[in-house]
């Protein structure tokens, strides 16, 4: 099983760092491995935003295919127990899947409808990136 961390970022961060994914990946990896550092905690709170966990549960329950019901159960269980295979924090979600393909088909592709300003990191750090691409805006003349 591979762990994936999904961080809900401020829109300004997405605009400024969309093409600097490697910097965000290094920062989040540092934060996850050294969560006690005050400087990283402050930066983390500045670039991420709070999510409504109940809204996320409602979205998974009502908008995602039923094959994702295990994910919903894991997320809800983790709200009570910290040892479940999916962890929900106020500013990120941690999930486990046996492959990146399964993570995409069962969760990531649907999450875009809930919130598109999301950055994903595989625990190993090899795979990371934005949930969705930025839409191109027409140039003004």
N, C-alpha and C. Protein backbone atom coordinates (compact mmCIF):
# COMPACT_ATOMS: atom_id res chain seq x y z
N UNK A 1 0.84 -1.19 0.00
CA UNK A 1 0.00 0.00 0.00
C UNK A 1 0.88 1.25 0.00
N UNK A 2 0.46 2.23 -0.75
CA UNK A 2 1.19 3.48 -0.85
C UNK A 2 0.33 4.61 -0.26
N UNK A 3 0.96 5.46 0.54
CA UNK A 3 0.25 6.60 1.12
C UNK A 3 0.35 7.81 0.21
N UNK A 4 -0.74 8.55 0.17
CA UNK A 4 -0.79 9.80 -0.59
C UNK A 4 -1.32 10.89 0.33
N UNK A 5 -0.70 12.04 0.25
CA UNK A 5 -1.12 13.20 1.04
C UNK A 5 -1.69 14.23 0.07
N UNK A 6 -2.88 14.73 0.38
CA UNK A 6 -3.54 15.74 -0.44
C UNK A 6 -3.66 17.01 0.39
N UNK A 7 -3.01 18.06 -0.06
CA UNK A 7 -3.00 19.32 0.66
C UNK A 7 -3.91 20.32 -0.05
N UNK A 8 -4.75 20.99 0.72
CA UNK A 8 -5.67 21.98 0.18
C UNK A 8 -5.02 23.35 0.33
N UNK A 9 -4.64 23.94 -0.81
CA UNK A 9 -3.85 25.16 -0.80
C UNK A 9 -4.67 26.40 -1.10
N UNK A 10 -4.12 27.52 -0.67
CA UNK A 10 -4.70 28.82 -1.00
C UNK A 10 -4.54 29.05 -2.50
N UNK A 11 -5.49 29.73 -3.11
CA UNK A 11 -5.47 29.99 -4.55
C UNK A 11 -4.22 30.77 -4.96
N UNK A 12 -3.78 31.72 -4.14
CA UNK A 12 -2.59 32.51 -4.47
C UNK A 12 -1.35 31.63 -4.57
N UNK A 13 -1.28 30.62 -3.73
CA UNK A 13 -0.16 29.69 -3.76
C UNK A 13 -0.19 28.90 -5.06
N UNK A 14 -1.36 28.47 -5.44
CA UNK A 14 -1.49 27.72 -6.70
C UNK A 14 -1.02 28.57 -7.88
N UNK A 15 -1.41 29.80 -7.91
CA UNK A 15 -1.02 30.69 -9.00
C UNK A 15 0.49 30.91 -9.00
N UNK A 16 1.06 31.17 -7.83
CA UNK A 16 2.48 31.48 -7.74
C UNK A 16 3.39 30.26 -7.91
N UNK A 17 2.92 29.09 -7.49
CA UNK A 17 3.79 27.91 -7.48
C UNK A 17 3.33 26.79 -8.40
N UNK A 18 2.43 27.08 -9.32
CA UNK A 18 1.94 26.02 -10.18
C UNK A 18 3.07 25.36 -10.97
N UNK A 19 3.99 26.14 -11.45
CA UNK A 19 5.10 25.60 -12.25
C UNK A 19 6.35 25.34 -11.40
N UNK A 20 6.19 25.37 -10.09
CA UNK A 20 7.31 25.12 -9.18
C UNK A 20 6.93 23.97 -8.23
N UNK A 21 6.40 22.91 -8.80
CA UNK A 21 5.91 21.78 -8.01
C UNK A 21 7.00 21.14 -7.16
N UNK A 22 8.22 21.14 -7.67
CA UNK A 22 9.31 20.52 -6.91
C UNK A 22 9.56 21.24 -5.60
N UNK A 23 9.40 22.55 -5.59
CA UNK A 23 9.58 23.32 -4.35
C UNK A 23 8.51 22.95 -3.34
N UNK A 24 7.26 22.87 -3.79
CA UNK A 24 6.17 22.48 -2.89
C UNK A 24 6.38 21.06 -2.37
N UNK A 25 6.80 20.16 -3.22
CA UNK A 25 7.03 18.79 -2.79
C UNK A 25 8.09 18.73 -1.71
N UNK A 26 9.19 19.44 -1.89
CA UNK A 26 10.25 19.46 -0.86
C UNK A 26 9.75 20.07 0.44
N UNK A 27 8.96 21.14 0.33
CA UNK A 27 8.43 21.76 1.54
C UNK A 27 7.52 20.80 2.30
N UNK A 28 6.56 20.19 1.61
CA UNK A 28 5.63 19.28 2.29
C UNK A 28 6.35 18.06 2.85
N UNK A 29 7.34 17.58 2.13
CA UNK A 29 8.11 16.45 2.66
C UNK A 29 8.83 16.86 3.95
N UNK A 30 9.41 18.06 3.97
CA UNK A 30 10.06 18.56 5.18
C UNK A 30 9.05 18.70 6.31
N UNK A 31 7.89 19.24 5.99
CA UNK A 31 6.85 19.42 7.01
C UNK A 31 6.40 18.07 7.59
N UNK A 32 6.20 17.09 6.73
CA UNK A 32 5.73 15.78 7.20
C UNK A 32 6.78 15.04 8.02
N UNK A 33 8.05 15.24 7.70
CA UNK A 33 9.10 14.55 8.44
C UNK A 33 9.56 15.32 9.67
N UNK A 34 9.26 16.63 9.74
CA UNK A 34 9.67 17.46 10.87
C UNK A 34 8.50 18.33 11.34
N UNK A 35 7.39 17.74 11.72
CA UNK A 35 6.19 18.53 12.04
C UNK A 35 6.34 19.40 13.29
N UNK A 36 7.35 19.17 14.08
CA UNK A 36 7.56 19.94 15.31
C UNK A 36 8.23 21.29 15.06
N UNK A 37 8.79 21.50 13.87
CA UNK A 37 9.48 22.76 13.59
C UNK A 37 8.47 23.89 13.45
N UNK A 38 8.64 24.92 14.27
CA UNK A 38 7.72 26.05 14.27
C UNK A 38 7.71 26.81 12.95
N UNK A 39 8.87 26.99 12.33
CA UNK A 39 8.92 27.72 11.06
C UNK A 39 8.12 26.99 9.98
N UNK A 40 8.22 25.67 9.93
CA UNK A 40 7.46 24.90 8.95
C UNK A 40 5.97 24.92 9.27
N UNK A 41 5.63 24.89 10.54
CA UNK A 41 4.22 24.95 10.94
C UNK A 41 3.59 26.27 10.49
N UNK A 42 4.30 27.37 10.70
CA UNK A 42 3.78 28.69 10.31
C UNK A 42 3.62 28.78 8.79
N UNK A 43 4.62 28.32 8.04
CA UNK A 43 4.54 28.34 6.59
C UNK A 43 3.40 27.45 6.09
N UNK A 44 3.27 26.29 6.73
CA UNK A 44 2.21 25.36 6.35
C UNK A 44 0.83 25.99 6.54
N UNK A 45 0.61 26.62 7.67
CA UNK A 45 -0.68 27.27 7.93
C UNK A 45 -0.92 28.43 6.97
N UNK A 46 0.14 29.09 6.54
CA UNK A 46 0.00 30.22 5.64
C UNK A 46 -0.42 29.79 4.23
N UNK A 47 0.14 28.69 3.72
CA UNK A 47 -0.13 28.31 2.33
C UNK A 47 -1.30 27.35 2.17
N UNK A 48 -1.72 26.71 3.27
CA UNK A 48 -2.85 25.78 3.19
C UNK A 48 -4.10 26.45 3.77
N UNK A 49 -5.22 25.84 3.50
CA UNK A 49 -6.47 26.38 4.04
C UNK A 49 -7.27 25.26 4.67
N UNK A 50 -8.12 25.65 5.58
CA UNK A 50 -8.98 24.69 6.27
C UNK A 50 -10.02 24.13 5.32
N UNK A 51 -10.33 22.87 5.51
CA UNK A 51 -11.40 22.26 4.73
C UNK A 51 -12.51 21.83 5.69
N UNK A 52 -13.70 21.80 5.19
CA UNK A 52 -14.84 21.31 5.97
C UNK A 52 -14.91 19.80 5.80
N UNK A 53 -14.53 19.07 6.82
CA UNK A 53 -14.48 17.62 6.76
C UNK A 53 -15.86 17.04 6.46
N UNK A 54 -16.89 17.59 7.08
CA UNK A 54 -18.24 17.08 6.85
C UNK A 54 -18.67 17.28 5.40
N UNK A 55 -18.24 18.38 4.78
CA UNK A 55 -18.54 18.60 3.36
C UNK A 55 -17.83 17.57 2.49
N UNK A 56 -16.60 17.23 2.85
CA UNK A 56 -15.86 16.20 2.12
C UNK A 56 -16.57 14.86 2.25
N UNK A 57 -17.00 14.50 3.46
CA UNK A 57 -17.74 13.25 3.66
C UNK A 57 -19.01 13.24 2.82
N UNK A 58 -19.73 14.34 2.86
CA UNK A 58 -20.98 14.43 2.09
C UNK A 58 -20.71 14.26 0.60
N UNK A 59 -19.65 14.89 0.11
CA UNK A 59 -19.30 14.78 -1.30
C UNK A 59 -18.98 13.33 -1.67
N UNK A 60 -18.16 12.68 -0.88
CA UNK A 60 -17.78 11.29 -1.16
C UNK A 60 -19.01 10.39 -1.14
N UNK A 61 -19.86 10.62 -0.18
CA UNK A 61 -21.06 9.79 -0.02
C UNK A 61 -22.05 9.96 -1.16
N UNK A 62 -22.20 11.20 -1.65
CA UNK A 62 -23.24 11.48 -2.63
C UNK A 62 -22.78 11.63 -4.07
N UNK A 63 -21.53 11.98 -4.28
CA UNK A 63 -21.07 12.28 -5.64
C UNK A 63 -20.14 11.23 -6.22
N UNK A 64 -19.50 10.45 -5.39
CA UNK A 64 -18.54 9.47 -5.89
C UNK A 64 -19.22 8.12 -6.08
N UNK A 65 -18.68 7.29 -6.98
CA UNK A 65 -19.27 5.96 -7.19
C UNK A 65 -19.21 5.13 -5.90
N UNK A 66 -20.06 4.16 -5.82
CA UNK A 66 -20.14 3.34 -4.61
C UNK A 66 -18.88 2.54 -4.35
N UNK A 67 -18.04 2.35 -5.37
CA UNK A 67 -16.78 1.63 -5.15
C UNK A 67 -15.88 2.37 -4.18
N UNK A 68 -16.15 3.64 -3.97
CA UNK A 68 -15.34 4.43 -3.04
C UNK A 68 -15.91 4.41 -1.62
N UNK A 69 -16.89 3.56 -1.37
CA UNK A 69 -17.48 3.53 -0.04
C UNK A 69 -16.47 3.08 1.02
N UNK A 70 -15.51 2.23 0.65
CA UNK A 70 -14.47 1.83 1.59
C UNK A 70 -13.65 3.05 2.02
N UNK A 71 -13.37 3.92 1.07
CA UNK A 71 -12.63 5.14 1.38
C UNK A 71 -13.41 6.00 2.37
N UNK A 72 -14.68 6.17 2.14
CA UNK A 72 -15.52 6.96 3.04
C UNK A 72 -15.53 6.34 4.43
N UNK A 73 -15.69 5.04 4.50
CA UNK A 73 -15.70 4.37 5.79
C UNK A 73 -14.37 4.55 6.51
N UNK A 74 -13.26 4.45 5.78
CA UNK A 74 -11.94 4.65 6.38
C UNK A 74 -11.78 6.08 6.89
N UNK A 75 -12.26 7.04 6.10
CA UNK A 75 -12.15 8.44 6.52
C UNK A 75 -12.98 8.71 7.77
N UNK A 76 -14.19 8.20 7.79
CA UNK A 76 -15.06 8.40 8.95
C UNK A 76 -14.51 7.70 10.18
N UNK A 77 -14.01 6.50 9.99
CA UNK A 77 -13.44 5.75 11.10
C UNK A 77 -12.25 6.51 11.67
N UNK A 78 -11.46 7.11 10.79
CA UNK A 78 -10.28 7.81 11.26
C UNK A 78 -10.63 9.06 12.04
N UNK A 79 -11.79 9.58 11.81
CA UNK A 79 -12.23 10.73 12.59
C UNK A 79 -12.30 10.33 14.07
N UNK A 80 -12.51 9.04 14.32
CA UNK A 80 -12.61 8.52 15.68
C UNK A 80 -11.31 7.84 16.10
N UNK A 81 -10.74 7.05 15.20
CA UNK A 81 -9.51 6.31 15.51
C UNK A 81 -8.38 6.83 14.62
N UNK A 82 -7.18 6.91 15.15
CA UNK A 82 -6.08 7.42 14.35
C UNK A 82 -5.35 6.33 13.59
N UNK A 83 -5.74 5.08 13.71
CA UNK A 83 -5.02 4.00 13.04
C UNK A 83 -5.66 3.53 11.74
N UNK A 84 -6.66 4.21 11.26
CA UNK A 84 -7.31 3.77 10.02
C UNK A 84 -6.41 4.04 8.83
N UNK A 85 -6.80 3.52 7.67
CA UNK A 85 -5.95 3.65 6.49
C UNK A 85 -6.12 4.98 5.78
N UNK A 86 -6.99 5.82 6.25
CA UNK A 86 -7.14 7.16 5.70
C UNK A 86 -7.22 8.14 6.86
N UNK A 87 -6.50 9.22 6.74
CA UNK A 87 -6.46 10.18 7.83
C UNK A 87 -6.92 11.53 7.31
N UNK A 88 -7.78 12.19 8.04
CA UNK A 88 -8.26 13.51 7.66
C UNK A 88 -7.78 14.51 8.69
N UNK A 89 -7.10 15.50 8.23
CA UNK A 89 -6.69 16.61 9.08
C UNK A 89 -7.47 17.82 8.61
N UNK A 90 -7.30 18.91 9.27
CA UNK A 90 -8.04 20.10 8.87
C UNK A 90 -7.54 20.72 7.58
N UNK A 91 -6.30 20.45 7.21
CA UNK A 91 -5.72 21.06 6.03
C UNK A 91 -5.22 20.06 4.99
N UNK A 92 -5.35 18.76 5.29
CA UNK A 92 -4.94 17.75 4.32
C UNK A 92 -5.66 16.45 4.59
N UNK A 93 -5.59 15.58 3.58
CA UNK A 93 -6.16 14.24 3.68
C UNK A 93 -5.04 13.26 3.35
N UNK A 94 -4.98 12.18 4.12
CA UNK A 94 -4.01 11.12 3.88
C UNK A 94 -4.79 9.85 3.56
N UNK A 95 -4.48 9.24 2.42
CA UNK A 95 -5.16 8.02 2.00
C UNK A 95 -4.14 6.98 1.57
N UNK A 96 -4.57 5.73 1.56
CA UNK A 96 -3.72 4.62 1.11
C UNK A 96 -4.42 3.87 -0.01
N UNK A 97 -3.66 3.56 -1.04
CA UNK A 97 -4.14 2.74 -2.15
C UNK A 97 -3.01 1.82 -2.56
N UNK A 98 -3.37 0.72 -3.21
CA UNK A 98 -2.34 -0.22 -3.61
C UNK A 98 -1.61 0.19 -4.89
N UNK A 99 -2.15 1.19 -5.61
CA UNK A 99 -1.46 1.70 -6.80
C UNK A 99 -1.92 3.12 -7.09
N UNK A 100 -1.09 3.83 -7.82
CA UNK A 100 -1.44 5.19 -8.22
C UNK A 100 -2.67 5.17 -9.13
N UNK A 101 -2.74 4.19 -10.00
CA UNK A 101 -3.90 4.06 -10.90
C UNK A 101 -5.20 3.92 -10.12
N UNK A 102 -5.19 3.08 -9.10
CA UNK A 102 -6.40 2.89 -8.29
C UNK A 102 -6.72 4.16 -7.50
N UNK A 103 -5.71 4.85 -7.00
CA UNK A 103 -5.93 6.11 -6.28
C UNK A 103 -6.60 7.12 -7.20
N UNK A 104 -6.13 7.16 -8.44
CA UNK A 104 -6.71 8.10 -9.39
C UNK A 104 -8.16 7.75 -9.72
N UNK A 105 -8.41 6.49 -10.07
CA UNK A 105 -9.76 6.13 -10.51
C UNK A 105 -10.77 6.13 -9.37
N UNK A 106 -10.33 5.83 -8.16
CA UNK A 106 -11.29 5.75 -7.06
C UNK A 106 -11.40 7.02 -6.24
N UNK A 107 -10.45 7.95 -6.38
CA UNK A 107 -10.53 9.14 -5.51
C UNK A 107 -10.11 10.43 -6.21
N UNK A 108 -8.90 10.48 -6.74
CA UNK A 108 -8.37 11.75 -7.25
C UNK A 108 -9.23 12.35 -8.35
N UNK A 109 -9.68 11.53 -9.32
CA UNK A 109 -10.45 12.09 -10.42
C UNK A 109 -11.77 12.69 -9.95
N UNK A 110 -12.32 12.20 -8.85
CA UNK A 110 -13.58 12.70 -8.32
C UNK A 110 -13.36 13.91 -7.42
N UNK A 111 -12.21 13.94 -6.77
CA UNK A 111 -11.92 15.03 -5.84
C UNK A 111 -11.87 16.38 -6.53
N UNK A 112 -11.53 16.39 -7.81
CA UNK A 112 -11.48 17.65 -8.56
C UNK A 112 -12.82 18.38 -8.51
N UNK A 113 -13.91 17.64 -8.48
CA UNK A 113 -15.23 18.27 -8.40
C UNK A 113 -15.47 18.91 -7.04
N UNK A 114 -14.82 18.37 -6.02
CA UNK A 114 -14.96 18.92 -4.67
C UNK A 114 -14.08 20.14 -4.48
N UNK A 115 -12.82 20.01 -4.90
CA UNK A 115 -11.85 21.10 -4.71
C UNK A 115 -10.69 20.90 -5.67
N UNK A 116 -10.49 21.82 -6.57
CA UNK A 116 -9.43 21.65 -7.58
C UNK A 116 -8.09 22.24 -7.15
N UNK A 117 -8.05 22.98 -6.06
CA UNK A 117 -6.81 23.60 -5.61
C UNK A 117 -6.13 22.69 -4.59
N UNK A 118 -5.67 21.56 -5.09
CA UNK A 118 -5.16 20.51 -4.23
C UNK A 118 -3.83 20.00 -4.78
N UNK A 119 -2.85 19.81 -3.92
CA UNK A 119 -1.53 19.30 -4.30
C UNK A 119 -1.35 17.93 -3.66
N UNK A 120 -0.90 16.96 -4.46
CA UNK A 120 -0.80 15.57 -4.01
C UNK A 120 0.66 15.12 -3.98
N UNK A 121 1.01 14.41 -2.92
CA UNK A 121 2.36 13.86 -2.78
C UNK A 121 2.26 12.40 -2.38
N UNK A 122 3.01 11.57 -3.06
CA UNK A 122 3.16 10.19 -2.64
C UNK A 122 4.15 10.18 -1.49
N UNK A 123 3.96 9.35 -0.49
CA UNK A 123 4.81 9.37 0.70
C UNK A 123 6.29 9.26 0.35
N UNK A 124 6.62 8.45 -0.64
CA UNK A 124 8.02 8.27 -1.05
C UNK A 124 8.59 9.55 -1.66
N UNK A 125 7.72 10.43 -2.14
CA UNK A 125 8.18 11.68 -2.75
C UNK A 125 8.48 11.56 -4.23
N UNK A 126 8.38 10.37 -4.78
CA UNK A 126 8.68 10.19 -6.21
C UNK A 126 7.58 10.76 -7.09
N UNK A 127 6.35 10.61 -6.68
CA UNK A 127 5.22 11.11 -7.47
C UNK A 127 4.55 12.25 -6.71
N UNK A 128 4.34 13.35 -7.41
CA UNK A 128 3.69 14.51 -6.81
C UNK A 128 3.17 15.41 -7.91
N UNK A 129 2.24 16.27 -7.56
CA UNK A 129 1.73 17.23 -8.54
C UNK A 129 0.38 17.77 -8.15
N UNK A 130 -0.13 18.61 -9.02
CA UNK A 130 -1.43 19.25 -8.82
C UNK A 130 -2.54 18.31 -9.22
N UNK A 131 -3.65 18.40 -8.54
CA UNK A 131 -4.81 17.59 -8.85
C UNK A 131 -5.31 17.91 -10.25
N UNK A 132 -5.35 19.18 -10.61
CA UNK A 132 -5.81 19.59 -11.94
C UNK A 132 -4.87 20.63 -12.51
N UNK A 133 -4.91 20.75 -13.81
CA UNK A 133 -4.11 21.77 -14.47
C UNK A 133 -4.82 23.11 -14.35
N UNK A 134 -4.05 24.16 -14.50
CA UNK A 134 -4.66 25.50 -14.49
C UNK A 134 -5.28 25.75 -15.85
N UNK A 135 -6.43 26.33 -15.84
CA UNK A 135 -7.12 26.66 -17.10
C UNK A 135 -6.42 27.87 -17.71
N UNK A 136 -6.23 27.81 -19.01
CA UNK A 136 -5.63 28.93 -19.71
C UNK A 136 -6.67 30.03 -19.90
N UNK A 137 -6.26 31.23 -19.61
CA UNK A 137 -7.14 32.37 -19.81
C UNK A 137 -6.75 33.07 -21.10
N UNK A 138 -7.71 33.51 -21.86
CA UNK A 138 -7.37 34.21 -23.12
C UNK A 138 -6.65 35.51 -22.82
N UNK A 139 -5.69 35.82 -23.66
CA UNK A 139 -4.96 37.06 -23.49
C UNK A 139 -5.83 38.25 -23.84
N UNK A 140 -5.71 39.27 -23.06
CA UNK A 140 -6.46 40.49 -23.35
C UNK A 140 -5.64 41.33 -24.32
N UNK A 141 -6.28 41.93 -25.30
CA UNK A 141 -5.53 42.75 -26.25
C UNK A 141 -5.75 44.21 -26.01
